[in-house]
Protein backbone atom coordinates (compact mmCIF):
# COMPACT_ATOMS: atom_id res chain seq x y z
CA MET A 1 0.40 10.45 74.43
CA VAL A 2 2.93 8.35 72.52
CA HIS A 3 3.59 9.41 68.91
CA ARG A 4 4.50 6.66 66.47
CA SER A 5 6.53 7.43 63.37
CA PRO A 6 5.80 5.71 60.06
CA ALA A 7 7.50 2.35 59.62
CA PRO A 8 10.76 2.69 57.60
CA GLU A 9 9.71 -0.15 55.27
CA ALA A 10 6.42 1.55 54.42
CA THR A 11 8.14 4.90 53.79
CA THR A 12 10.74 3.30 51.53
CA ALA A 13 8.11 1.45 49.52
CA LEU A 14 6.08 4.63 49.11
CA PHE A 15 9.05 6.58 47.74
CA LEU A 16 10.02 3.75 45.38
CA ALA A 17 6.50 3.70 43.98
CA LEU A 18 6.63 7.46 43.52
CA LEU A 19 9.95 7.28 41.67
CA LEU A 20 8.65 4.58 39.35
CA LEU A 21 5.69 6.79 38.45
CA LEU A 22 7.81 9.89 37.96
CA PHE A 23 10.38 8.09 35.78
CA PRO A 24 8.52 5.36 33.85
CA ARG A 25 10.36 2.82 31.78
CA THR A 26 10.03 3.45 28.05
CA SER A 27 12.70 1.17 26.63
CA SER A 28 10.17 -1.57 25.93
CA THR A 29 8.08 0.72 23.72
CA THR A 30 10.72 2.89 22.06
CA THR A 31 11.33 2.80 18.34
CA THR A 32 14.34 4.02 16.39
CA THR A 33 14.67 6.44 13.54
CA GLY A 34 16.63 3.91 11.54
CA GLY A 35 13.75 1.44 11.59
CA ALA A 36 16.16 -1.53 11.47
CA PRO A 37 16.87 -4.29 13.99
CA ASN A 38 20.14 -4.45 15.86
CA THR A 39 22.84 -5.79 13.54
CA ALA A 40 25.91 -4.57 15.40
CA ALA A 41 27.64 -7.97 15.56
CA PRO A 42 29.03 -7.92 11.97
CA CYS A 43 30.93 -4.72 12.77
CA ALA A 44 32.49 -5.94 16.00
CA PRO A 45 36.31 -5.53 16.09
CA ALA A 46 38.14 -8.25 14.16
CA TRP A 47 41.68 -9.47 14.74
CA CYS A 48 44.59 -9.87 12.36
CA GLY A 49 47.40 -11.32 14.41
CA ASP A 50 47.55 -9.13 17.52
CA LEU A 51 46.07 -6.10 15.73
CA ALA A 52 42.42 -5.15 16.36
CA ILE A 53 40.62 -3.86 13.26
CA SER A 54 37.60 -1.62 13.86
CA TYR A 55 36.04 1.61 12.57
CA PRO A 56 37.19 3.55 10.58
CA PHE A 57 39.07 0.50 9.25
CA TRP A 58 37.30 -2.65 8.07
CA LEU A 59 38.73 -6.11 7.50
CA ALA A 60 38.06 -7.59 4.07
CA GLY A 61 36.44 -11.01 4.28
CA THR A 62 35.14 -10.33 7.80
CA HIS A 63 33.49 -6.90 7.76
CA PRO A 64 31.08 -5.54 5.14
CA PRO A 65 32.16 -2.17 3.67
CA LYS A 66 29.61 -0.32 5.84
CA CYS A 67 31.73 -1.18 8.90
CA GLY A 68 34.49 1.18 7.71
CA TYR A 69 34.83 4.79 6.65
CA ASP A 70 35.46 4.14 2.93
CA GLN A 71 37.40 1.90 0.53
CA GLY A 72 40.67 3.59 1.49
CA PHE A 73 40.38 2.05 4.97
CA GLU A 74 39.99 -1.54 3.74
CA VAL A 75 42.47 -3.83 5.53
CA THR A 76 43.56 -7.23 4.24
CA CYS A 77 45.05 -9.90 6.47
CA ASP A 78 47.68 -12.34 5.22
CA LYS A 79 49.55 -14.69 7.55
CA ALA A 80 48.55 -12.64 10.62
CA LYS A 81 49.85 -9.40 9.04
CA ALA A 82 47.56 -6.49 8.18
CA TYR A 83 47.92 -4.44 5.00
CA LEU A 84 46.56 -1.29 3.36
CA LYS A 85 46.86 -1.03 -0.42
CA ASN A 86 46.54 1.53 -3.18
CA SER A 87 47.54 1.59 -6.83
CA THR A 88 51.14 2.46 -5.98
CA CYS A 89 52.18 0.81 -2.71
CA THR A 90 51.31 -1.84 -0.18
CA TYR A 91 51.56 -0.75 3.45
CA GLN A 92 52.01 -3.21 6.30
CA ILE A 93 50.20 -1.92 9.40
CA GLN A 94 52.40 -2.32 12.46
CA SER A 95 50.12 -0.62 15.01
CA ILE A 96 46.96 1.53 15.20
CA PHE A 97 46.32 4.20 17.83
CA TYR A 98 42.57 4.79 17.45
CA ALA A 99 42.31 7.45 20.15
CA MET A 100 44.98 9.55 18.39
CA ASN A 101 43.94 9.01 14.72
CA LEU A 102 47.39 7.55 14.18
CA LEU A 103 48.89 4.38 12.71
CA ARG A 104 52.39 3.12 12.01
CA VAL A 105 53.04 1.50 8.64
CA ALA A 106 55.95 0.22 6.56
CA ILE A 107 55.99 0.11 2.76
CA VAL A 108 56.43 -3.43 1.49
CA GLY A 109 59.21 -4.16 -1.02
CA LEU A 110 61.34 -1.02 -0.75
CA LEU A 111 64.48 -2.98 0.09
CA SER A 112 65.48 -6.26 -1.55
CA LEU A 113 68.55 -7.09 0.46
CA ASP A 114 68.27 -10.83 -0.13
CA ASP A 115 69.63 -10.50 -3.65
CA GLY A 116 71.86 -7.52 -2.85
CA THR A 117 69.78 -4.93 -4.71
CA CYS A 118 67.70 -1.91 -3.71
CA ASN A 119 64.52 -0.83 -5.43
CA VAL A 120 65.68 2.75 -5.24
CA ASP A 121 63.28 3.84 -7.96
CA LYS A 122 60.38 2.92 -5.64
CA PHE A 123 61.59 5.43 -3.07
CA VAL A 124 60.24 8.20 -5.27
CA ASN A 125 56.71 7.01 -4.45
CA ALA A 126 57.42 6.23 -0.82
CA SER A 127 55.90 9.49 0.38
CA PHE A 128 52.55 8.67 -1.20
CA VAL A 129 49.74 7.89 1.24
CA PRO A 130 47.10 5.12 1.02
CA SER A 131 44.22 7.54 0.35
CA PRO A 132 43.43 11.27 0.65
CA ALA A 133 42.18 10.70 4.21
CA PHE A 134 45.77 9.96 5.32
CA GLU A 135 48.78 12.20 5.64
CA ILE A 136 52.34 11.70 6.85
CA GLU A 137 52.65 12.91 10.44
CA PRO A 138 55.43 15.56 10.52
CA GLN A 139 55.88 15.65 14.29
CA GLN A 140 56.56 11.92 14.62
CA ASN A 141 58.80 11.29 11.58
CA GLN A 142 62.25 12.22 10.29
CA GLU A 143 63.60 12.39 6.75
CA LEU A 144 65.71 9.62 5.23
CA PHE A 145 67.14 10.67 1.86
CA PHE A 146 68.28 8.36 -0.93
CA VAL A 147 70.35 9.79 -3.80
CA TYR A 148 71.29 7.72 -6.81
CA ASP A 149 72.81 7.93 -10.29
CA CYS A 150 75.29 10.51 -9.01
CA ASN A 151 78.49 11.44 -10.84
CA LEU A 152 80.33 12.70 -7.76
CA ARG A 153 83.80 11.55 -6.85
CA ALA A 154 84.61 10.34 -3.34
CA PRO A 155 86.39 13.57 -2.21
CA GLN A 156 83.33 15.57 -3.26
CA LEU A 157 80.85 13.62 -1.13
CA PRO A 158 79.25 15.37 1.85
CA ARG A 159 80.29 13.73 5.10
CA SER A 160 76.69 12.97 6.01
CA TRP A 161 76.24 10.75 2.94
CA THR A 162 76.59 6.99 3.39
CA PRO A 163 77.00 4.65 0.38
CA LEU A 164 74.19 2.16 -0.13
CA ARG A 165 75.30 -1.44 0.36
CA CYS A 166 72.60 -2.66 -2.01
CA GLY A 167 72.96 -0.04 -4.74
CA ASN A 168 75.43 0.93 -7.43
CA ASN A 169 78.49 3.07 -6.83
CA GLY A 170 76.49 6.25 -7.32
CA SER A 171 73.85 5.60 -4.64
CA PHE A 172 73.93 7.13 -1.17
CA THR A 173 71.71 7.87 1.82
CA TRP A 174 71.62 10.27 4.74
CA LEU A 175 69.37 10.87 7.75
CA SER A 176 68.04 14.40 8.15
CA GLY A 177 65.76 16.21 10.61
CA GLN A 178 62.00 16.55 11.04
CA TYR A 179 59.91 15.51 8.08
CA ARG A 180 58.98 18.26 5.61
CA PRO A 181 57.30 17.23 2.34
CA GLU A 182 58.89 20.03 0.32
CA ASP A 183 62.40 18.69 1.01
CA SER A 184 61.88 15.82 -1.44
CA SER A 185 62.43 18.19 -4.37
CA MET A 186 65.60 19.89 -3.14
CA ALA A 187 68.50 20.35 -5.55
CA LEU A 188 71.67 18.34 -4.87
CA PRO A 189 75.22 18.47 -6.24
CA GLY A 190 76.44 15.96 -8.79
CA ASN A 191 73.26 15.75 -10.88
CA CYS A 192 71.87 13.18 -8.46
CA ASN A 193 68.34 11.90 -8.41
CA VAL A 194 66.83 12.18 -4.96
CA ALA A 195 64.06 10.40 -3.07
CA MET A 196 63.00 11.02 0.51
CA ILE A 197 60.94 8.76 2.76
CA PRO A 198 59.69 9.33 6.31
CA VAL A 199 61.09 7.12 9.08
CA VAL A 200 60.78 6.86 12.84
CA ALA A 201 64.32 7.44 14.07
CA TYR A 202 65.62 6.09 17.35
CA GLU A 203 68.39 7.27 19.64
CA GLY A 204 71.78 6.85 18.03
CA ALA A 205 70.41 6.10 14.55
CA THR A 206 72.52 7.13 11.54
CA ALA A 207 72.17 6.90 7.77
CA ALA A 208 74.06 3.59 7.87
CA ASP A 209 71.02 2.11 9.67
CA TYR A 210 68.78 2.75 6.67
CA GLN A 211 67.61 -0.88 6.43
CA ARG A 212 66.33 -0.91 10.02
CA LEU A 213 64.83 2.56 9.62
CA VAL A 214 62.94 1.64 6.45
CA GLU A 215 61.64 -1.62 7.91
CA GLY A 216 60.59 0.25 11.08
CA GLY A 217 58.09 2.25 9.07
CA PHE A 218 56.61 5.68 9.76
CA PHE A 219 53.52 7.31 11.25
CA LEU A 220 50.40 8.27 9.32
CA SER A 221 47.52 10.32 10.68
CA TYR A 222 44.01 10.03 9.28
CA TYR A 223 41.16 12.53 9.14
CA LEU A 224 37.54 11.55 8.63
CA THR A 225 35.59 14.43 7.17
CA ASP A 226 32.71 15.06 4.82
CA THR A 227 32.91 18.85 4.95
CA GLU A 228 35.62 21.33 5.76
CA ASP A 229 34.72 21.67 9.43
CA HIS A 230 32.81 18.45 10.28
CA TYR A 231 34.73 15.36 11.31
CA TYR A 232 33.26 11.86 11.30
CA TYR A 233 35.83 10.87 13.89
CA GLY A 234 34.25 13.23 16.41
CA GLN A 235 30.92 11.52 15.72
CA CYS A 236 32.49 8.11 16.20
CA GLN A 237 34.07 9.21 19.48
CA ALA A 238 30.66 10.32 20.73
CA CYS A 239 29.08 7.10 19.52
CA SER A 240 31.72 4.79 21.02
CA TYR A 241 32.63 6.46 24.30
CA ARG A 242 29.72 8.71 25.28
CA ALA A 243 26.74 6.70 24.11
CA GLY A 244 26.83 3.37 25.84
CA HIS A 245 29.49 1.81 23.60
CA GLY A 246 27.75 2.13 20.26
CA GLN A 247 29.42 1.01 17.04
CA CYS A 248 30.36 3.35 14.18
CA ARG A 249 29.30 2.57 10.62
CA THR A 250 29.08 4.18 7.22
CA ILE A 251 25.95 4.39 5.06
CA VAL A 252 27.41 2.97 1.84
CA SER A 253 24.82 4.60 -0.44
CA ASP A 254 25.73 8.17 0.50
CA ASP A 255 28.82 7.84 2.77
CA GLY A 256 26.78 9.12 5.71
CA PHE A 257 27.50 8.21 9.33
CA GLN A 258 25.45 5.94 11.59
CA CYS A 259 25.83 5.03 15.24
CA TYR A 260 24.57 1.49 15.89
CA CYS A 261 23.32 1.01 19.44
CA SER A 262 22.31 -2.01 21.45
CA ASP A 263 18.63 -1.35 20.73
CA GLY A 264 18.78 -0.33 17.08
CA VAL A 265 20.25 2.00 14.47
CA TYR A 266 20.45 5.77 14.89
CA SER A 267 21.44 8.31 12.26
CA THR A 268 22.93 10.53 14.95
CA THR A 269 26.21 10.94 16.80
CA ALA A 270 25.05 9.19 19.97
CA CYS A 271 22.74 6.40 21.05
CA GLY A 272 19.31 7.62 22.11
CA THR A 273 19.73 11.25 21.07
CA LYS A 274 16.83 11.06 18.60
CA ARG A 275 14.05 8.61 19.42
CA ALA A 276 10.55 8.76 17.93
CA ASN A 277 7.84 7.13 20.05
CA TRP A 278 4.21 8.18 19.87
CA LYS A 279 3.35 5.98 22.86
CA THR A 280 5.67 7.99 25.06
CA THR A 281 3.99 11.18 23.86
CA ILE A 282 0.57 9.91 24.98
CA VAL A 283 1.60 8.07 28.14
CA GLY A 284 3.92 10.81 29.37
CA PRO A 285 1.32 13.46 30.35
CA THR A 286 -0.97 10.82 31.88
CA THR A 287 1.86 9.46 34.01
CA ALA A 288 2.86 12.96 35.08
CA ALA A 289 -0.71 13.73 36.23
CA ALA A 290 -0.92 10.47 38.20
CA SER A 291 2.48 11.15 39.75
CA LEU A 292 1.36 14.63 40.83
CA LEU A 293 -1.73 13.16 42.50
CA VAL A 294 0.34 10.60 44.40
CA LEU A 295 2.76 13.34 45.42
CA CYS A 296 -0.08 15.42 46.89
CA ILE A 297 -1.31 12.43 48.90
CA CYS A 298 2.20 11.81 50.20
CA LEU A 299 2.53 15.45 51.24
CA LEU A 300 -0.72 15.28 53.23
CA LEU A 301 0.44 12.13 55.00
CA TRP A 302 3.82 13.64 55.65
CA LYS A 303 2.34 16.83 57.12
CA SER A 304 0.52 14.86 59.82
CA LYS A 305 3.77 13.25 60.87
CA VAL A 306 6.11 16.22 60.51
CA LYS A 307 6.27 16.93 64.24
CA ASN A 308 7.22 13.34 64.97
CA LEU A 309 9.93 13.41 62.31
CA TRP A 310 11.42 16.64 63.65
CA PHE A 311 11.39 15.18 67.16
CA LEU A 312 13.25 12.07 66.02
CA LEU A 313 15.72 14.14 63.99
CA ALA A 314 16.50 16.42 66.93
CA LYS A 315 16.91 13.44 69.23
CA LYS A 316 19.34 11.70 66.88
CA THR A 317 21.43 14.75 66.11
CA SER A 318 21.81 15.48 69.83
CA SER A 319 23.16 12.05 70.56
CA SER A 320 26.69 12.24 71.88
CA ALA A 321 27.40 8.75 70.57
CA ASN A 322 26.67 9.83 67.01
CA ASP A 323 28.85 12.91 67.48
CA ARG A 324 31.75 10.73 68.50
CA ASN A 325 31.15 8.43 65.51
CA THR A 326 31.12 11.40 63.18
CA GLU A 327 34.42 12.71 64.55
CA ALA A 328 35.97 9.27 64.23
CA LEU A 329 34.80 9.06 60.62
CA ILE A 330 36.36 12.42 59.77
CA GLU A 331 39.65 11.42 61.39
CA SER A 332 39.68 8.11 59.52
CA TYR A 333 39.07 9.49 56.04
CA GLY A 334 40.60 12.95 56.35
CA SER A 335 39.77 15.92 54.19
CA LEU A 336 37.66 15.51 51.07
CA ALA A 337 39.59 18.25 49.28
CA PRO A 338 41.57 17.04 46.21
CA LYS A 339 45.20 16.18 46.87
CA ARG A 340 47.96 17.13 44.43
CA TYR A 341 50.59 14.49 43.66
CA LYS A 342 53.99 14.86 42.02
CA TYR A 343 54.67 13.00 38.80
CA SER A 344 57.14 10.74 40.60
CA GLU A 345 54.48 9.95 43.21
CA VAL A 346 51.99 9.09 40.46
CA LEU A 347 54.53 6.73 38.88
CA ASN A 348 55.00 5.09 42.29
CA ILE A 349 51.23 4.80 42.77
CA THR A 350 50.79 3.17 39.33
CA SER A 351 53.90 0.94 39.63
CA SER A 352 55.50 2.85 36.73
CA LEU A 353 52.37 2.52 34.55
CA ASP A 354 52.57 -1.26 34.77
CA ASN A 355 48.83 -2.05 34.72
CA LYS A 356 46.91 -0.32 31.95
CA LEU A 357 43.12 -0.52 32.37
CA GLY A 358 42.09 1.04 29.09
CA GLU A 359 42.27 3.85 26.55
CA GLY A 360 39.76 6.73 26.38
CA GLY A 361 39.11 9.63 24.07
CA TYR A 362 41.44 11.90 26.08
CA GLY A 363 44.08 9.57 27.52
CA ALA A 364 45.03 6.22 29.05
CA VAL A 365 43.82 4.88 32.43
CA TYR A 366 46.12 2.90 34.76
CA LYS A 367 45.48 0.93 37.93
CA GLY A 368 47.21 2.20 41.07
CA ARG A 369 47.38 1.81 44.82
CA LEU A 370 47.80 4.54 47.44
CA HIS A 371 50.02 4.23 50.51
CA ASP A 372 47.04 3.07 52.61
CA ASP A 373 46.32 0.22 50.11
CA VAL A 374 43.34 2.02 48.58
CA HIS A 375 42.98 1.06 44.91
CA VAL A 376 42.61 3.95 42.47
CA ALA A 377 42.36 4.56 38.73
CA VAL A 378 44.78 7.16 37.34
CA LYS A 379 44.11 8.86 34.00
CA PHE A 380 46.94 10.47 31.98
CA LEU A 381 45.65 13.21 29.69
CA ARG A 382 47.24 13.70 26.29
CA ALA A 383 48.38 17.08 25.08
CA CYS A 384 46.00 18.59 22.53
CA SER A 385 44.46 21.90 21.51
CA VAL A 386 42.06 22.15 24.46
CA THR A 387 42.85 23.02 28.04
CA PRO A 388 43.58 20.31 30.66
CA ILE A 389 40.35 21.12 32.50
CA GLN A 390 38.34 20.66 29.32
CA ARG A 391 40.12 17.35 28.66
CA GLY A 392 39.37 16.18 32.20
CA ILE A 393 35.68 17.06 31.85
CA GLY A 394 35.52 15.35 28.48
CA GLY A 395 37.22 12.24 29.85
CA VAL A 396 34.73 11.97 32.74
């Protein structure tokens, strides 16, 4: 007697039908807790020159206030230059590092070298920040001191002091070490007034380079929080990177957070984490019962053919031709165990980080090529308070 196995096409169709019953589509009948249609377009990133403006910042004239964290993150654009303002200073934004909660700014109008004068009195306010959500980043900045109205004579001057070219005879500057806010109130000889501003120093910089240092700006970090231990930025990270590229917004009436998804508005940290749908509640059990019935029928059909399937399986696994193909496959691709590379090898693979694919919540991703011309993506994890393994899992 000749045993015939089920046709592959029929078996495939049967399993596809079973999967559709077990996992029914509900997207067409889902409703959202926000109860509002998708309006994500107004909060899409906007450009000012080559600078992308997105949450927690919002661009005046392009974004409504709900697209940003609060009024302190309002950005204005003038002649392709982006600015933050408060009652004391205007800050030109040079760059924003969203994944690191970091931006580089320069205070406008501190130096007036065109007419040979310095607004030294403004330096006193140079350590102010745009809003309470910002603070000067101590790890990234150094201290540049300005002293003025001194009554010291030349032989009494410390060697580290450099006269200001744009000030009076009693004005000096010097470049110190890592930024510390308390240093701005230190006592100095000669009854001098003192002001200290943060700068981003470069290799070989001295106090004589104060114009370049001031114009180069300094780093600010920003923290989005509504309580002592709850950060909006963590919510925005979950919304943007872990939830199908949602968009972060602020509820203007109460400063609450919303994650706007492609299918509606959710008052949660991720798209689809809280969906209310009474149709799913009713249809779900019915679908499960029907799926169970179909599964039982499939098991009965399968039982009658089990001997034939085992026969075919044994026949195929005993084939010497397949054995040889398997060995050839193993030799071609080698071990599946992870391979450790040196940092120099990684730089060679990524052509010295020449082709950046993108920026994630835990690091940057670069395009690379192995020695056998296999294309790979290489992720560099940033140093932070969690372990590298936790960062890797979070990045994936």
